Amino acid sequence: MILLDTSAVRAFWNNHTTLLHLVERANHGDRAELHVPAVCLMEAETLLPGSGLTILEQPGIAVVPLGHLAVATGILAHEQPELSPGMAHAIVCAAPDPSGPLGGIIVTTEAELYPYGVVAVDADHPGLR
């Protein structure tokens, strides 16, 4: 699963070239479907009005709802106050589970802010092009 965090949503809104291409390929079915954790979407929309709504218009992007992940997200955000709620939700969504035993990859412009062990890839990484 490829997840876009709050910073990636904001970068997409600001016409980040790699993210524009990644979303375009997802919209045309040329790449795996992209996912945005709901909290990241809300954070982005709050910080940069219109950015979240633009993501919702993209057919190749699915929103990961909070559901039962809300509790784990809240616990993680409480235990690690340096994480924003959106980062915490992205980490929980990227964790391995029976449907995705390898876990997910978080695409971000703030990879250095994620804790060790979380697969957070900078949006400028050449592998995303």
C-alpha atoms as a PDB file:
ATOM      1  CA  MET A   1       0.000   0.000   0.000  1.00  0.00           C
ATOM      2  CA  ILE A   2       1.294   3.437  -0.918  1.00  0.00           C
ATOM      3  CA  LEU A   3       0.145   6.152   1.487  1.00  0.00           C
ATOM      4  CA  LEU A   4       0.321   9.908   1.004  1.00  0.00           C
ATOM      5  CA  ASP A   5       0.681  11.804   4.270  1.00  0.00           C
ATOM      6  CA  THR A   6      -0.327  15.389   5.062  1.00  0.00           C
ATOM      7  CA  SER A   7       2.858  16.862   3.624  1.00  0.00           C
ATOM      8  CA  ALA A   8       2.437  14.889   0.386  1.00  0.00           C
ATOM      9  CA  VAL A   9      -1.158  16.110  -0.024  1.00  0.00           C
ATOM     10  CA  ARG A  10       0.036  19.681   0.453  1.00  0.00           C
ATOM     11  CA  ALA A  11       2.908  19.154  -1.999  1.00  0.00           C
ATOM     12  CA  PHE A  12       0.496  17.712  -4.580  1.00  0.00           C
ATOM     13  CA  TRP A  13      -1.689  20.820  -4.165  1.00  0.00           C
ATOM     14  CA  ASN A  14       1.446  22.925  -4.753  1.00  0.00           C
ATOM     15  CA  ASN A  15       2.187  21.079  -8.033  1.00  0.00           C
ATOM     16  CA  HIS A  16       5.062  18.885  -6.825  1.00  0.00           C
ATOM     17  CA  THR A  17       6.178  17.261 -10.092  1.00  0.00           C
ATOM     18  CA  THR A  18       6.790  13.728  -8.818  1.00  0.00           C
ATOM     19  CA  LEU A  19       3.521  13.631  -6.890  1.00  0.00           C
ATOM     20  CA  LEU A  20       1.585  14.991  -9.880  1.00  0.00           C
ATOM     21  CA  HIS A  21       2.965  12.138 -12.008  1.00  0.00           C
ATOM     22  CA  LEU A  22       2.371   9.527  -9.304  1.00  0.00           C
ATOM     23  CA  VAL A  23      -1.271  10.570  -8.915  1.00  0.00           C
ATOM     24  CA  GLU A  24      -1.757  10.808 -12.677  1.00  0.00           C
ATOM     25  CA  ARG A  25      -0.494   7.235 -13.121  1.00  0.00           C
ATOM     26  CA  ALA A  26      -2.755   6.031 -10.293  1.00  0.00           C
ATOM     27  CA  ASN A  27      -5.721   7.808 -11.897  1.00  0.00           C
ATOM     28  CA  HIS A  28      -5.061   5.980 -15.169  1.00  0.00           C
ATOM     29  CA  GLY A  29      -4.477   2.607 -13.528  1.00  0.00           C
ATOM     30  CA  ASP A  30      -0.787   2.534 -14.503  1.00  0.00           C
ATOM     31  CA  ARG A  31       0.330   2.305 -10.876  1.00  0.00           C
ATOM     32  CA  ALA A  32      -1.011   0.850  -7.666  1.00  0.00           C
ATOM     33  CA  GLU A  33      -3.886   2.727  -6.119  1.00  0.00           C
ATOM     34  CA  LEU A  34      -2.769   5.411  -3.696  1.00  0.00           C
ATOM     35  CA  HIS A  35      -4.226   5.852  -0.220  1.00  0.00           C
ATOM     36  CA  VAL A  36      -4.553   8.863   2.071  1.00  0.00           C
ATOM     37  CA  PRO A  37      -5.276   8.372   5.779  1.00  0.00           C
ATOM     38  CA  ALA A  38      -8.399  10.337   6.722  1.00  0.00           C
ATOM     39  CA  VAL A  39      -6.600  12.332   9.409  1.00  0.00           C
ATOM     40  CA  CYS A  40      -3.907  13.384   6.912  1.00  0.00           C
ATOM     41  CA  LEU A  41      -6.632  14.546   4.561  1.00  0.00           C
ATOM     42  CA  MET A  42      -8.283  16.599   7.311  1.00  0.00           C
ATOM     43  CA  GLU A  43      -4.949  18.082   8.428  1.00  0.00           C
ATOM     44  CA  ALA A  44      -4.041  19.074   4.876  1.00  0.00           C
ATOM     45  CA  GLU A  45      -7.435  20.668   4.279  1.00  0.00           C
ATOM     46  CA  THR A  46      -7.130  22.612   7.542  1.00  0.00           C
ATOM     47  CA  LEU A  47      -3.596  23.834   6.746  1.00  0.00           C
ATOM     48  CA  LEU A  48      -4.200  24.480   3.046  1.00  0.00           C
ATOM     49  CA  PRO A  49      -7.881  24.867   2.184  1.00  0.00           C
ATOM     50  CA  GLY A  50      -8.793  23.089  -1.036  1.00  0.00           C
ATOM     51  CA  SER A  51      -5.964  20.553  -0.903  1.00  0.00           C
ATOM     52  CA  GLY A  52      -8.049  17.820   0.709  1.00  0.00           C
ATOM     53  CA  LEU A  53     -10.969  18.350  -1.629  1.00  0.00           C
ATOM     54  CA  THR A  54      -8.628  18.108  -4.620  1.00  0.00           C
ATOM     55  CA  ILE A  55      -7.407  14.724  -3.386  1.00  0.00           C
ATOM     56  CA  LEU A  56     -10.999  13.502  -3.022  1.00  0.00           C
ATOM     57  CA  GLU A  57     -11.554  14.280  -6.710  1.00  0.00           C
ATOM     58  CA  GLN A  58      -8.773  11.905  -7.802  1.00  0.00           C
ATOM     59  CA  PRO A  59     -10.135   8.492  -8.876  1.00  0.00           C
ATOM     60  CA  GLY A  60      -6.817   6.745  -8.177  1.00  0.00           C
ATOM     61  CA  ILE A  61      -6.744   7.770  -4.510  1.00  0.00           C
ATOM     62  CA  ALA A  62      -8.691   6.028  -1.763  1.00  0.00           C
ATOM     63  CA  VAL A  63      -9.224   7.475   1.716  1.00  0.00           C
ATOM     64  CA  VAL A  64      -8.342   5.171   4.619  1.00  0.00           C
ATOM     65  CA  PRO A  65     -11.065   5.724   7.230  1.00  0.00           C
ATOM     66  CA  LEU A  66     -10.335   5.840  10.930  1.00  0.00           C
ATOM     67  CA  GLY A  67     -12.590   2.971  11.958  1.00  0.00           C
ATOM     68  CA  HIS A  68     -10.926   0.685  14.488  1.00  0.00           C
ATOM     69  CA  LEU A  69      -7.593   2.366  13.746  1.00  0.00           C
ATOM     70  CA  ALA A  70      -8.741   5.439  15.669  1.00  0.00           C
ATOM     71  CA  VAL A  71      -7.756   3.952  19.009  1.00  0.00           C
ATOM     72  CA  ALA A  72      -4.296   2.872  17.840  1.00  0.00           C
ATOM     73  CA  THR A  73      -3.770   6.260  16.195  1.00  0.00           C
ATOM     74  CA  GLY A  74      -4.729   8.108  19.384  1.00  0.00           C
ATOM     75  CA  ILE A  75      -2.478   5.931  21.530  1.00  0.00           C
ATOM     76  CA  LEU A  76       0.489   6.405  19.177  1.00  0.00           C
ATOM     77  CA  ALA A  77      -0.010  10.175  19.009  1.00  0.00           C
ATOM     78  CA  HIS A  78      -0.255  10.343  22.814  1.00  0.00           C
ATOM     79  CA  GLU A  79       2.854   8.200  23.374  1.00  0.00           C
ATOM     80  CA  GLN A  80       4.919  10.118  20.816  1.00  0.00           C
ATOM     81  CA  PRO A  81       3.907  13.786  21.075  1.00  0.00           C
ATOM     82  CA  GLU A  82       6.386  14.796  18.360  1.00  0.00           C
ATOM     83  CA  LEU A  83       4.078  13.089  15.844  1.00  0.00           C
ATOM     84  CA  SER A  84       1.149  14.975  14.401  1.00  0.00           C
ATOM     85  CA  PRO A  85      -2.181  13.117  14.428  1.00  0.00           C
ATOM     86  CA  GLY A  86      -1.842  12.686  10.652  1.00  0.00           C
ATOM     87  CA  MET A  87       1.610  11.140  10.988  1.00  0.00           C
ATOM     88  CA  ALA A  88       0.304   8.804  13.677  1.00  0.00           C
ATOM     89  CA  HIS A  89      -2.589   7.703  11.431  1.00  0.00           C
ATOM     90  CA  ALA A  90      -0.202   7.172   8.495  1.00  0.00           C
ATOM     91  CA  ILE A  91       2.074   5.013  10.670  1.00  0.00           C
ATOM     92  CA  VAL A  92      -0.837   2.902  11.896  1.00  0.00           C
ATOM     93  CA  CYS A  93      -2.122   2.486   8.311  1.00  0.00           C
ATOM     94  CA  ALA A  94       1.340   1.445   7.104  1.00  0.00           C
ATOM     95  CA  ALA A  95       1.779  -1.209   9.804  1.00  0.00           C
ATOM     96  CA  PRO A  96       1.777  -4.812   8.587  1.00  0.00           C
ATOM     97  CA  ASP A  97      -1.480  -6.722   9.030  1.00  0.00           C
ATOM     98  CA  PRO A  98      -3.007  -9.928   7.616  1.00  0.00           C
ATOM     99  CA  SER A  99      -4.231  -8.150   4.456  1.00  0.00           C
ATOM    100  CA  GLY A 100      -0.830  -6.555   3.868  1.00  0.00           C
ATOM    101  CA  PRO A 101       1.859  -8.520   5.700  1.00  0.00           C
ATOM    102  CA  LEU A 102       4.641  -6.337   4.279  1.00  0.00           C
ATOM    103  CA  GLY A 103       3.028  -3.112   5.453  1.00  0.00           C
ATOM    104  CA  GLY A 104       2.821   0.127   3.535  1.00  0.00           C
ATOM    105  CA  ILE A 105       5.073   2.881   2.309  1.00  0.00           C
ATOM    106  CA  ILE A 106       4.458   6.467   3.385  1.00  0.00           C
ATOM    107  CA  VAL A 107       5.251   9.047   0.717  1.00  0.00           C
ATOM    108  CA  THR A 108       6.109  12.343   2.388  1.00  0.00           C
ATOM    109  CA  THR A 109       8.150  15.510   2.128  1.00  0.00           C
ATOM    110  CA  GLU A 110       9.107  15.087   5.793  1.00  0.00           C
ATOM    111  CA  ALA A 111      10.637  11.597   5.892  1.00  0.00           C
ATOM    112  CA  GLU A 112      13.187  12.664   8.514  1.00  0.00           C
ATOM    113  CA  LEU A 113      10.387  13.306  11.045  1.00  0.00           C
ATOM    114  CA  TYR A 114       9.181   9.700  11.074  1.00  0.00           C
ATOM    115  CA  PRO A 115      10.534   7.322  13.729  1.00  0.00           C
ATOM    116  CA  TYR A 116      13.138   4.714  12.925  1.00  0.00           C
ATOM    117  CA  GLY A 117      11.592   1.578  11.441  1.00  0.00           C
ATOM    118  CA  VAL A 118       8.772   3.355   9.608  1.00  0.00           C
ATOM    119  CA  VAL A 119       9.106   3.133   5.829  1.00  0.00           C
ATOM    120  CA  ALA A 120       8.755   6.807   4.919  1.00  0.00           C
ATOM    121  CA  VAL A 121      10.008   7.706   1.441  1.00  0.00           C
ATOM    122  CA  ASP A 122      10.777  11.249   0.367  1.00  0.00           C
ATOM    123  CA  ALA A 123       8.496  12.465  -2.427  1.00  0.00           C
ATOM    124  CA  ASP A 124      11.606  13.304  -4.467  1.00  0.00           C
ATOM    125  CA  HIS A 125      12.941   9.742  -4.351  1.00  0.00           C
ATOM    126  CA  PRO A 126      13.851   8.645  -7.889  1.00  0.00           C
ATOM    127  CA  GLY A 127      12.021   5.328  -7.402  1.00  0.00           C
ATOM    128  CA  LEU A 128       8.692   7.184  -7.399  1.00  0.00           C
ATOM    129  CA  ARG A 129       9.183   8.654 -10.862  1.00  0.00           C
END
